[in-house]
Structures are given as structure tokens and as C-alpha cells.
């Protein structure tokens, strides 16, 4: 019975040490500032002026009443989320002459 308990304790100890080793081992400095994150685009200005966006293609899709395709195309070009891309397409549409 004692042998089984020692075996269990040794297994737990090895598991804890292995988990600590795989996580990086060292302690984190909690006083250090958090890593910098890229700023999130604000609603309505979701990287509309980004050079990667083919603005004319988006405008043409909007003119053809293919707004969903315009949103999909914008998401493919920029990596924006659905809400941000929708807001960006609506902002482009609002700036277009009628």
C-alpha cells in the first residue's frame, strides 16, 4: 500500500515538474507592462484608407446592390471582422454620391 502511494506521489511530482518545464519554467514579472497590442479600428473608420483595399471594386459592388459580396471582399482583403467590415462598407456607401 505504501509503495502505491509513493508511486502516486512520484508521478504527481514528475507531472508538475514536466508541466512547469513545458510552460517555460520561469516566473513572470507581474510588474512589467503588458505586451503591446495593435490598436483596434474604431467603428466607422475600419481601415478604409488602407492601401490594401481596392476601394473601386468595393464601390462597384455597392453600386450593383451586392453589399454582402462587398463585405466579404473587404474581409478577404483586410482580415477585418464581420461587424467592422460591414461598418466600413456602410461608411463607404454613405460617402458615395447618389
Protein backbone atom coordinates (compact mmCIF):
# COMPACT_ATOMS: atom_id res chain seq x y z
CA UNK A 1 0.00 0.00 0.00
CA UNK A 2 2.82 2.44 0.88
CA UNK A 3 4.56 1.56 -2.39
CA UNK A 4 1.47 2.58 -4.35
CA UNK A 5 1.24 5.90 -2.51
CA UNK A 6 4.92 6.62 -3.14
CA UNK A 7 4.46 5.74 -6.80
CA UNK A 8 1.43 8.09 -6.99
CA UNK A 9 3.31 10.92 -5.25
CA UNK A 10 6.32 10.48 -7.55
CA UNK A 11 4.02 10.53 -10.60
CA UNK A 12 2.36 13.74 -9.42
CA UNK A 13 5.72 15.38 -8.75
CA UNK A 14 7.04 14.39 -12.17
CA UNK A 15 3.83 15.66 -13.80
CA UNK A 16 4.07 19.02 -12.03
CA UNK A 17 7.72 19.44 -12.93
CA UNK A 18 7.03 18.47 -16.54
CA UNK A 19 4.14 20.96 -16.75
CA UNK A 20 6.33 23.73 -15.35
CA UNK A 21 9.12 22.89 -17.77
CA UNK A 22 6.77 22.89 -20.78
CA UNK A 23 5.27 26.28 -19.81
CA UNK A 24 8.64 27.98 -19.79
CA UNK A 25 9.65 27.28 -16.25
CA UNK A 26 10.44 30.77 -15.05
CA UNK A 27 8.23 33.13 -13.16
CA UNK A 28 6.55 36.00 -14.95
CA UNK A 29 7.33 39.55 -13.95
CA UNK A 30 3.91 40.84 -12.93
CA UNK A 31 5.24 44.39 -12.56
CA UNK A 32 6.24 44.61 -16.25
CA UNK A 33 3.81 46.36 -18.59
CA UNK A 34 1.64 44.07 -20.70
CA UNK A 35 2.77 43.37 -24.27
CA UNK A 36 1.65 45.98 -26.78
CA UNK A 37 -1.37 45.14 -28.90
CA UNK A 38 -2.16 46.72 -32.23
CA UNK A 39 -4.94 49.29 -31.89
CA UNK A 40 -8.38 48.07 -32.87
CA UNK A 41 -10.03 50.02 -35.66
CA UNK A 42 -12.86 52.24 -34.48
CA UNK A 43 -16.33 51.64 -35.82
CA UNK A 44 -16.92 53.61 -38.97
CA UNK A 45 -13.27 54.09 -39.84
CA UNK A 46 -12.26 50.43 -40.02
CA UNK A 47 -9.09 50.86 -42.07
CA UNK A 48 -10.98 52.33 -45.03
CA UNK A 49 -7.89 54.28 -46.09
CA UNK A 50 -5.69 51.17 -46.02
CA UNK A 51 -3.72 50.77 -49.25
CA UNK A 52 -4.63 47.08 -49.46
CA UNK A 53 -8.30 47.85 -50.05
CA UNK A 54 -9.40 48.03 -53.66
CA UNK A 55 -11.86 50.83 -52.98
CA UNK A 56 -13.19 50.97 -56.55
CA UNK A 57 -14.05 47.27 -56.52
CA UNK A 58 -15.97 47.70 -53.26
CA UNK A 59 -17.76 50.76 -54.66
CA UNK A 60 -18.74 48.87 -57.81
CA UNK A 61 -20.23 46.03 -55.75
CA UNK A 62 -22.18 48.58 -53.70
CA UNK A 63 -23.46 50.26 -56.91
CA UNK A 64 -24.68 46.84 -58.10
CA UNK A 65 -26.56 46.33 -54.80
CA UNK A 66 -24.20 43.44 -53.93
CA UNK A 67 -23.42 44.71 -50.43
CA UNK A 68 -22.86 41.25 -48.92
CA UNK A 69 -20.25 40.47 -51.57
CA UNK A 70 -18.62 43.85 -50.87
CA UNK A 71 -18.41 42.97 -47.18
CA UNK A 72 -16.92 39.54 -47.99
CA UNK A 73 -14.37 41.08 -50.36
CA UNK A 74 -13.37 43.68 -47.76
CA UNK A 75 -12.95 40.97 -45.13
CA UNK A 76 -10.75 38.94 -47.50
CA UNK A 77 -8.59 41.96 -48.31
CA UNK A 78 -8.12 43.27 -44.77
CA UNK A 79 -8.82 40.47 -42.30
CA UNK A 80 -11.45 42.61 -40.54
CA UNK A 81 -14.22 41.02 -38.53
CA UNK A 82 -17.77 40.86 -39.85
CA UNK A 83 -19.04 43.87 -37.88
CA UNK A 84 -16.04 46.04 -38.75
CA UNK A 85 -16.26 45.15 -42.46
CA UNK A 86 -20.00 45.84 -42.50
CA UNK A 87 -19.45 49.22 -40.83
CA UNK A 88 -16.65 50.05 -43.28
CA UNK A 89 -18.79 49.16 -46.31
CA UNK A 90 -21.64 51.25 -44.93
CA UNK A 91 -19.24 54.15 -44.38
CA UNK A 92 -18.01 53.86 -47.98
CA UNK A 93 -21.61 53.71 -49.16
CA UNK A 94 -22.52 56.84 -47.15
CA UNK A 95 -19.66 58.78 -48.78
CA UNK A 96 -20.67 57.76 -52.31
CA UNK A 97 -22.63 60.28 -54.41
CA UNK A 98 -26.18 59.25 -55.12
